[in-house]
């Protein structure tokens, strides 16, 4: 059963309190942290209720699901949509039309496809590069050793604007490998912040979800992708 508007308001208030407490412990300003509310599999009415609870940025995993949902969302203020799932080049046209930020550019052909569609749409598409920081074959993301080459490819494309990096931590109970993956991304984020990135900038370090956001925050995340803590379990 989808969460009720009251459930969502309570969850948002609870998570906001927890985030502020953790930021105070880490001496980090809460306003420096961007929350992407992950609404994959939830219907448009849940997103509409979430906007009334104060959420303004929503993340979807699948382009087709988002295409069917976005036009149905009713919000009292403008909202922003992020593609956080694996990007398929055959969905480039819709991805450019629907999303303000695409987190999952992980190879040159993905960047080329997005640049082509953004040019046709007369748009500059903001993107993050997804890095596979866990060396897990089943996970998307470029190899860390290939990151600089992919950065070079992206910043040469006139209709893409690099805005940072993204990763998914390992799904394990031990916090050490999770912290290690996030440390690896943050290290590259800091290193690239000193480079000339053309029109781009290292603005967003997107890492951390419901189970590991505290670790991500401690390791320097600037953007958290939060689903279950805000909306409950998916059916």
C-alpha atoms as a PDB file:
ATOM      1  CA  UNK A   1       0.000   0.000   0.000  1.00  0.00           C
ATOM      2  CA  UNK A   2       1.428   3.432  -0.935  1.00  0.00           C
ATOM      3  CA  UNK A   3       2.198   5.804   1.945  1.00  0.00           C
ATOM      4  CA  UNK A   4      -0.467   8.323   2.906  1.00  0.00           C
ATOM      5  CA  UNK A   5       0.184  12.079   2.848  1.00  0.00           C
ATOM      6  CA  UNK A   6       0.375  11.972   6.653  1.00  0.00           C
ATOM      7  CA  UNK A   7       2.947   9.155   6.475  1.00  0.00           C
ATOM      8  CA  UNK A   8       5.056  11.160   4.045  1.00  0.00           C
ATOM      9  CA  UNK A   9       4.916  14.347   6.124  1.00  0.00           C
ATOM     10  CA  UNK A  10       5.962  12.421   9.234  1.00  0.00           C
ATOM     11  CA  UNK A  11       8.761  10.616   7.392  1.00  0.00           C
ATOM     12  CA  UNK A  12      10.085  13.840   5.857  1.00  0.00           C
ATOM     13  CA  UNK A  13      10.065  15.566   9.259  1.00  0.00           C
ATOM     14  CA  UNK A  14      11.803  12.607  10.904  1.00  0.00           C
ATOM     15  CA  UNK A  15      14.479  12.326   8.229  1.00  0.00           C
ATOM     16  CA  UNK A  16      15.079  16.091   8.238  1.00  0.00           C
ATOM     17  CA  UNK A  17      15.609  16.006  11.997  1.00  0.00           C
ATOM     18  CA  UNK A  18      18.040  13.087  11.674  1.00  0.00           C
ATOM     19  CA  UNK A  19      19.936  14.840   8.884  1.00  0.00           C
ATOM     20  CA  UNK A  20      20.258  18.068  10.876  1.00  0.00           C
ATOM     21  CA  UNK A  21      21.490  16.133  13.913  1.00  0.00           C
ATOM     22  CA  UNK A  22      24.080  14.299  11.840  1.00  0.00           C
ATOM     23  CA  UNK A  23      25.193  17.505  10.115  1.00  0.00           C
ATOM     24  CA  UNK A  24      25.652  19.177  13.503  1.00  0.00           C
ATOM     25  CA  UNK A  25      27.779  16.230  14.678  1.00  0.00           C
ATOM     26  CA  UNK A  26      29.934  16.502  11.552  1.00  0.00           C
ATOM     27  CA  UNK A  27      30.023  20.300  11.626  1.00  0.00           C
ATOM     28  CA  UNK A  28      28.483  20.456   8.171  1.00  0.00           C
ATOM     29  CA  UNK A  29      25.783  22.983   7.155  1.00  0.00           C
ATOM     30  CA  UNK A  30      22.514  21.140   6.367  1.00  0.00           C
ATOM     31  CA  UNK A  31      21.844  23.576   3.538  1.00  0.00           C
ATOM     32  CA  UNK A  32      24.899  22.176   1.719  1.00  0.00           C
ATOM     33  CA  UNK A  33      23.184  18.772   1.389  1.00  0.00           C
ATOM     34  CA  UNK A  34      20.747  18.103  -1.454  1.00  0.00           C
ATOM     35  CA  UNK A  35      18.118  15.413  -0.940  1.00  0.00           C
ATOM     36  CA  UNK A  36      16.887  13.511  -3.984  1.00  0.00           C
ATOM     37  CA  UNK A  37      13.631  11.778  -3.024  1.00  0.00           C
ATOM     38  CA  UNK A  38      13.629   8.447  -4.850  1.00  0.00           C
ATOM     39  CA  UNK A  39      10.116   7.778  -6.136  1.00  0.00           C
ATOM     40  CA  UNK A  40      10.669   4.784  -8.405  1.00  0.00           C
ATOM     41  CA  UNK A  41       7.632   2.432  -8.385  1.00  0.00           C
ATOM     42  CA  UNK A  42       5.517   4.945  -6.450  1.00  0.00           C
ATOM     43  CA  UNK A  43       2.528   6.523  -8.241  1.00  0.00           C
ATOM     44  CA  UNK A  44       2.168  10.187  -9.136  1.00  0.00           C
ATOM     45  CA  UNK A  45      -0.146  10.882  -6.204  1.00  0.00           C
ATOM     46  CA  UNK A  46       2.654   9.912  -3.808  1.00  0.00           C
ATOM     47  CA  UNK A  47       4.985  12.389  -5.505  1.00  0.00           C
ATOM     48  CA  UNK A  48       2.275  15.060  -5.371  1.00  0.00           C
ATOM     49  CA  UNK A  49       1.873  14.469  -1.627  1.00  0.00           C
ATOM     50  CA  UNK A  50       5.651  14.596  -1.210  1.00  0.00           C
ATOM     51  CA  UNK A  51       5.812  18.033  -2.808  1.00  0.00           C
ATOM     52  CA  UNK A  52       3.300  19.284  -0.260  1.00  0.00           C
ATOM     53  CA  UNK A  53       5.607  17.924   2.456  1.00  0.00           C
ATOM     54  CA  UNK A  54       8.336  20.202   1.110  1.00  0.00           C
ATOM     55  CA  UNK A  55      10.288  17.901  -1.205  1.00  0.00           C
ATOM     56  CA  UNK A  56      11.307  19.417  -4.533  1.00  0.00           C
ATOM     57  CA  UNK A  57      13.797  17.020  -6.176  1.00  0.00           C
ATOM     58  CA  UNK A  58      12.756  13.536  -7.265  1.00  0.00           C
ATOM     59  CA  UNK A  59      14.780  10.643  -8.609  1.00  0.00           C
ATOM     60  CA  UNK A  60      13.550   7.972 -10.998  1.00  0.00           C
ATOM     61  CA  UNK A  61      15.348   4.845 -12.162  1.00  0.00           C
ATOM     62  CA  UNK A  62      13.555   4.185 -15.434  1.00  0.00           C
ATOM     63  CA  UNK A  63      12.877   6.664 -18.197  1.00  0.00           C
ATOM     64  CA  UNK A  64       9.602   5.054 -19.287  1.00  0.00           C
ATOM     65  CA  UNK A  65       8.166   5.005 -15.774  1.00  0.00           C
ATOM     66  CA  UNK A  66       9.091   8.651 -15.295  1.00  0.00           C
ATOM     67  CA  UNK A  67       7.579   9.614 -18.647  1.00  0.00           C
ATOM     68  CA  UNK A  68       4.224   8.194 -17.606  1.00  0.00           C
ATOM     69  CA  UNK A  69       4.381   9.758 -14.143  1.00  0.00           C
ATOM     70  CA  UNK A  70       5.810  13.258 -14.429  1.00  0.00           C
ATOM     71  CA  UNK A  71       2.909  14.829 -16.306  1.00  0.00           C
ATOM     72  CA  UNK A  72       0.496  13.577 -13.632  1.00  0.00           C
ATOM     73  CA  UNK A  73       2.283  15.127 -10.671  1.00  0.00           C
ATOM     74  CA  UNK A  74       0.589  18.147  -9.126  1.00  0.00           C
ATOM     75  CA  UNK A  75       2.861  20.419  -7.135  1.00  0.00           C
ATOM     76  CA  UNK A  76       2.419  23.833  -5.510  1.00  0.00           C
ATOM     77  CA  UNK A  77       5.898  24.785  -6.737  1.00  0.00           C
ATOM     78  CA  UNK A  78       8.350  23.768  -9.461  1.00  0.00           C
ATOM     79  CA  UNK A  79      10.075  20.425  -8.973  1.00  0.00           C
ATOM     80  CA  UNK A  80      13.238  18.964 -10.452  1.00  0.00           C
ATOM     81  CA  UNK A  81      13.614  15.450 -11.860  1.00  0.00           C
ATOM     82  CA  UNK A  82      16.785  13.359 -11.804  1.00  0.00           C
ATOM     83  CA  UNK A  83      17.535  10.127 -13.637  1.00  0.00           C
ATOM     84  CA  UNK A  84      19.429   7.994 -11.134  1.00  0.00           C
ATOM     85  CA  UNK A  85      19.169   4.565 -12.780  1.00  0.00           C
ATOM     86  CA  UNK A  86      21.248   3.004 -15.532  1.00  0.00           C
ATOM     87  CA  UNK A  87      21.067   5.040 -18.723  1.00  0.00           C
ATOM     88  CA  UNK A  88      20.237   3.305 -22.006  1.00  0.00           C
ATOM     89  CA  UNK A  89      21.234   5.187 -25.141  1.00  0.00           C
ATOM     90  CA  UNK A  90      17.948   4.393 -26.892  1.00  0.00           C
ATOM     91  CA  UNK A  91      16.177   6.431 -24.188  1.00  0.00           C
ATOM     92  CA  UNK A  92      18.296   9.531 -24.768  1.00  0.00           C
ATOM     93  CA  UNK A  93      15.548  11.607 -26.401  1.00  0.00           C
ATOM     94  CA  UNK A  94      13.111  11.140 -23.531  1.00  0.00           C
ATOM     95  CA  UNK A  95      15.837  11.441 -20.896  1.00  0.00           C
ATOM     96  CA  UNK A  96      16.851  14.860 -22.196  1.00  0.00           C
ATOM     97  CA  UNK A  97      13.232  15.963 -22.372  1.00  0.00           C
ATOM     98  CA  UNK A  98      12.347  14.794 -18.855  1.00  0.00           C
ATOM     99  CA  UNK A  99      15.341  15.196 -16.560  1.00  0.00           C
ATOM    100  CA  UNK A 100      17.204  18.195 -15.205  1.00  0.00           C
ATOM    101  CA  UNK A 101      20.138  16.071 -14.038  1.00  0.00           C
ATOM    102  CA  UNK A 102      21.255  12.633 -15.232  1.00  0.00           C
ATOM    103  CA  UNK A 103      23.397  10.840 -12.617  1.00  0.00           C
ATOM    104  CA  UNK A 104      24.411   7.800 -14.615  1.00  0.00           C
ATOM    105  CA  UNK A 105      26.702   8.706 -17.513  1.00  0.00           C
ATOM    106  CA  UNK A 106      29.296   5.920 -17.393  1.00  0.00           C
ATOM    107  CA  UNK A 107      30.682   5.535 -20.937  1.00  0.00           C
ATOM    108  CA  UNK A 108      31.441   7.698 -23.974  1.00  0.00           C
ATOM    109  CA  UNK A 109      28.566   6.417 -26.132  1.00  0.00           C
ATOM    110  CA  UNK A 110      26.093   7.413 -23.409  1.00  0.00           C
ATOM    111  CA  UNK A 111      27.562  10.910 -23.347  1.00  0.00           C
ATOM    112  CA  UNK A 112      27.465  11.120 -27.148  1.00  0.00           C
ATOM    113  CA  UNK A 113      23.811  10.054 -27.289  1.00  0.00           C
ATOM    114  CA  UNK A 114      22.781  12.606 -24.682  1.00  0.00           C
ATOM    115  CA  UNK A 115      24.776  15.374 -26.355  1.00  0.00           C
ATOM    116  CA  UNK A 116      23.135  14.633 -29.715  1.00  0.00           C
ATOM    117  CA  UNK A 117      19.620  14.727 -28.268  1.00  0.00           C
ATOM    118  CA  UNK A 118      20.378  17.811 -26.201  1.00  0.00           C
ATOM    119  CA  UNK A 119      21.601  19.599 -29.333  1.00  0.00           C
ATOM    120  CA  UNK A 120      18.370  18.731 -31.152  1.00  0.00           C
ATOM    121  CA  UNK A 121      16.383  19.996 -28.159  1.00  0.00           C
ATOM    122  CA  UNK A 122      18.483  23.194 -27.939  1.00  0.00           C
ATOM    123  CA  UNK A 123      19.335  22.316 -24.346  1.00  0.00           C
ATOM    124  CA  UNK A 124      22.452  22.020 -22.228  1.00  0.00           C
ATOM    125  CA  UNK A 125      22.020  18.790 -20.276  1.00  0.00           C
ATOM    126  CA  UNK A 126      23.493  18.604 -16.776  1.00  0.00           C
ATOM    127  CA  UNK A 127      25.104  15.238 -16.026  1.00  0.00           C
ATOM    128  CA  UNK A 128      27.058  13.345 -13.397  1.00  0.00           C
ATOM    129  CA  UNK A 129      29.545  10.606 -14.165  1.00  0.00           C
ATOM    130  CA  UNK A 130      28.766   7.346 -12.395  1.00  0.00           C
ATOM    131  CA  UNK A 131      31.842   5.583 -11.050  1.00  0.00           C
ATOM    132  CA  UNK A 132      31.940   1.910 -10.050  1.00  0.00           C
ATOM    133  CA  UNK A 133      33.830   2.234  -6.775  1.00  0.00           C
ATOM    134  CA  UNK A 134      33.219  -1.362  -5.649  1.00  0.00           C
ATOM    135  CA  UNK A 135      34.607  -3.332  -8.638  1.00  0.00           C
ATOM    136  CA  UNK A 136      31.340  -5.298  -8.724  1.00  0.00           C
ATOM    137  CA  UNK A 137      30.671  -6.559 -12.246  1.00  0.00           C
ATOM    138  CA  UNK A 138      26.888  -6.334 -11.838  1.00  0.00           C
ATOM    139  CA  UNK A 139      27.014  -2.604 -11.073  1.00  0.00           C
ATOM    140  CA  UNK A 140      27.017   0.172 -13.632  1.00  0.00           C
ATOM    141  CA  UNK A 141      29.640   2.874 -13.569  1.00  0.00           C
ATOM    142  CA  UNK A 142      32.950   3.552 -15.223  1.00  0.00           C
ATOM    143  CA  UNK A 143      36.106   2.004 -13.845  1.00  0.00           C
ATOM    144  CA  UNK A 144      37.943   4.534 -11.668  1.00  0.00           C
ATOM    145  CA  UNK A 145      41.004   4.109 -13.887  1.00  0.00           C
ATOM    146  CA  UNK A 146      38.930   5.226 -16.884  1.00  0.00           C
ATOM    147  CA  UNK A 147      37.406   8.237 -15.139  1.00  0.00           C
ATOM    148  CA  UNK A 148      39.772  10.892 -16.472  1.00  0.00           C
ATOM    149  CA  UNK A 149      39.298   9.729 -20.060  1.00  0.00           C
ATOM    150  CA  UNK A 150      35.517   9.853 -19.650  1.00  0.00           C
ATOM    151  CA  UNK A 151      35.727  13.304 -18.086  1.00  0.00           C
ATOM    152  CA  UNK A 152      37.748  14.449 -21.091  1.00  0.00           C
ATOM    153  CA  UNK A 153      35.080  13.062 -23.429  1.00  0.00           C
ATOM    154  CA  UNK A 154      32.183  14.681 -21.564  1.00  0.00           C
ATOM    155  CA  UNK A 155      33.662  18.159 -21.218  1.00  0.00           C
ATOM    156  CA  UNK A 156      34.353  18.297 -24.953  1.00  0.00           C
ATOM    157  CA  UNK A 157      30.664  17.855 -25.771  1.00  0.00           C
ATOM    158  CA  UNK A 158      29.058  21.287 -26.143  1.00  0.00           C
ATOM    159  CA  UNK A 159      25.559  20.308 -25.018  1.00  0.00           C
ATOM    160  CA  UNK A 160      26.571  18.505 -21.820  1.00  0.00           C
ATOM    161  CA  UNK A 161      27.597  20.204 -18.585  1.00  0.00           C
ATOM    162  CA  UNK A 162      29.454  18.058 -16.064  1.00  0.00           C
ATOM    163  CA  UNK A 163      28.206  18.704 -12.538  1.00  0.00           C
ATOM    164  CA  UNK A 164      29.931  16.024 -10.466  1.00  0.00           C
ATOM    165  CA  UNK A 165      30.178  12.326  -9.710  1.00  0.00           C
ATOM    166  CA  UNK A 166      27.897   9.553  -8.467  1.00  0.00           C
ATOM    167  CA  UNK A 167      28.385   6.093  -6.995  1.00  0.00           C
ATOM    168  CA  UNK A 168      26.462   3.285  -5.314  1.00  0.00           C
ATOM    169  CA  UNK A 169      28.048   1.770  -2.230  1.00  0.00           C
ATOM    170  CA  UNK A 170      28.281  -1.991  -1.637  1.00  0.00           C
ATOM    171  CA  UNK A 171      25.208  -3.664  -0.169  1.00  0.00           C
ATOM    172  CA  UNK A 172      26.925  -5.094   2.914  1.00  0.00           C
ATOM    173  CA  UNK A 173      26.564  -4.776   6.679  1.00  0.00           C
ATOM    174  CA  UNK A 174      30.203  -3.941   7.343  1.00  0.00           C
ATOM    175  CA  UNK A 175      30.622  -0.145   7.213  1.00  0.00           C
ATOM    176  CA  UNK A 176      34.318  -0.307   6.262  1.00  0.00           C
ATOM    177  CA  UNK A 177      33.913  -1.247   2.572  1.00  0.00           C
ATOM    178  CA  UNK A 178      31.031   1.214   2.288  1.00  0.00           C
ATOM    179  CA  UNK A 179      33.197   4.015   3.657  1.00  0.00           C
ATOM    180  CA  UNK A 180      36.026   2.894   1.380  1.00  0.00           C
ATOM    181  CA  UNK A 181      33.861   3.184  -1.725  1.00  0.00           C
ATOM    182  CA  UNK A 182      32.686   6.646  -0.706  1.00  0.00           C
ATOM    183  CA  UNK A 183      36.214   7.761   0.147  1.00  0.00           C
ATOM    184  CA  UNK A 184      37.308   6.700  -3.334  1.00  0.00           C
ATOM    185  CA  UNK A 185      34.599   8.785  -5.004  1.00  0.00           C
ATOM    186  CA  UNK A 186      35.219  11.793  -2.796  1.00  0.00           C
ATOM    187  CA  UNK A 187      38.927  11.596  -3.554  1.00  0.00           C
ATOM    188  CA  UNK A 188      38.287  11.765  -7.278  1.00  0.00           C
ATOM    189  CA  UNK A 189      35.698  14.512  -6.716  1.00  0.00           C
ATOM    190  CA  UNK A 190      38.232  16.639  -4.866  1.00  0.00           C
ATOM    191  CA  UNK A 191      40.965  15.959  -7.394  1.00  0.00           C
ATOM    192  CA  UNK A 192      38.770  16.877 -10.349  1.00  0.00           C
ATOM    193  CA  UNK A 193      37.599  20.041  -8.596  1.00  0.00           C
ATOM    194  CA  UNK A 194      41.094  21.399  -9.304  1.00  0.00           C
ATOM    195  CA  UNK A 195      40.852  20.728 -13.039  1.00  0.00           C
ATOM    196  CA  UNK A 196      39.589  22.949 -15.822  1.00  0.00           C
ATOM    197  CA  UNK A 197      36.274  21.304 -16.676  1.00  0.00           C
ATOM    198  CA  UNK A 198      35.162  23.767 -19.320  1.00  0.00           C
ATOM    199  CA  UNK A 199      31.608  24.814 -18.534  1.00  0.00           C
ATOM    200  CA  UNK A 200      31.406  22.096 -15.886  1.00  0.00           C
ATOM    201  CA  UNK A 201      32.195  22.092 -12.181  1.00  0.00           C
ATOM    202  CA  UNK A 202      32.438  19.505  -9.407  1.00  0.00           C
ATOM    203  CA  UNK A 203      29.214  20.567  -7.661  1.00  0.00           C
ATOM    204  CA  UNK A 204      27.492  17.309  -6.705  1.00  0.00           C
ATOM    205  CA  UNK A 205      29.050  14.302  -4.985  1.00  0.00           C
ATOM    206  CA  UNK A 206      26.043  11.956  -5.173  1.00  0.00           C
ATOM    207  CA  UNK A 207      26.421   9.003  -2.826  1.00  0.00           C
ATOM    208  CA  UNK A 208      24.431   7.506   0.017  1.00  0.00           C
ATOM    209  CA  UNK A 209      20.957   5.994   0.240  1.00  0.00           C
ATOM    210  CA  UNK A 210      18.610   5.047   3.078  1.00  0.00           C
ATOM    211  CA  UNK A 211      20.890   2.382   4.561  1.00  0.00           C
ATOM    212  CA  UNK A 212      24.219   4.172   4.227  1.00  0.00           C
ATOM    213  CA  UNK A 213      23.556   7.913   4.063  1.00  0.00           C
ATOM    214  CA  UNK A 214      25.231   8.615   7.404  1.00  0.00           C
ATOM    215  CA  UNK A 215      28.445   7.008   6.158  1.00  0.00           C
ATOM    216  CA  UNK A 216      28.197   8.958   2.902  1.00  0.00           C
ATOM    217  CA  UNK A 217      27.663  12.209   4.773  1.00  0.00           C
ATOM    218  CA  UNK A 218      30.721  11.570   6.923  1.00  0.00           C
ATOM    219  CA  UNK A 219      32.772  10.886   3.786  1.00  0.00           C
ATOM    220  CA  UNK A 220      31.763  14.127   2.089  1.00  0.00           C
ATOM    221  CA  UNK A 221      28.556  13.491   0.134  1.00  0.00           C
ATOM    222  CA  UNK A 222      26.761  16.612  -1.033  1.00  0.00           C
ATOM    223  CA  UNK A 223      23.769  14.793  -2.507  1.00  0.00           C
ATOM    224  CA  UNK A 224      21.841  11.888  -0.932  1.00  0.00           C
ATOM    225  CA  UNK A 225      19.376   9.649  -2.807  1.00  0.00           C
ATOM    226  CA  UNK A 226      16.708   8.708  -0.257  1.00  0.00           C
ATOM    227  CA  UNK A 227      13.715   6.477  -0.942  1.00  0.00           C
ATOM    228  CA  UNK A 228      12.635   4.049   1.790  1.00  0.00           C
ATOM    229  CA  UNK A 229      13.236   6.471   4.667  1.00  0.00           C
ATOM    230  CA  UNK A 230      10.756   8.880   3.067  1.00  0.00           C
ATOM    231  CA  UNK A 231       8.203   6.554   1.453  1.00  0.00           C
ATOM    232  CA  UNK A 232       8.493   3.227   3.239  1.00  0.00           C
ATOM    233  CA  UNK A 233       8.955  -0.178   1.682  1.00  0.00           C
ATOM    234  CA  UNK A 234       8.089  -0.687  -1.957  1.00  0.00           C
ATOM    235  CA  UNK A 235       5.489  -3.308  -2.758  1.00  0.00           C
END
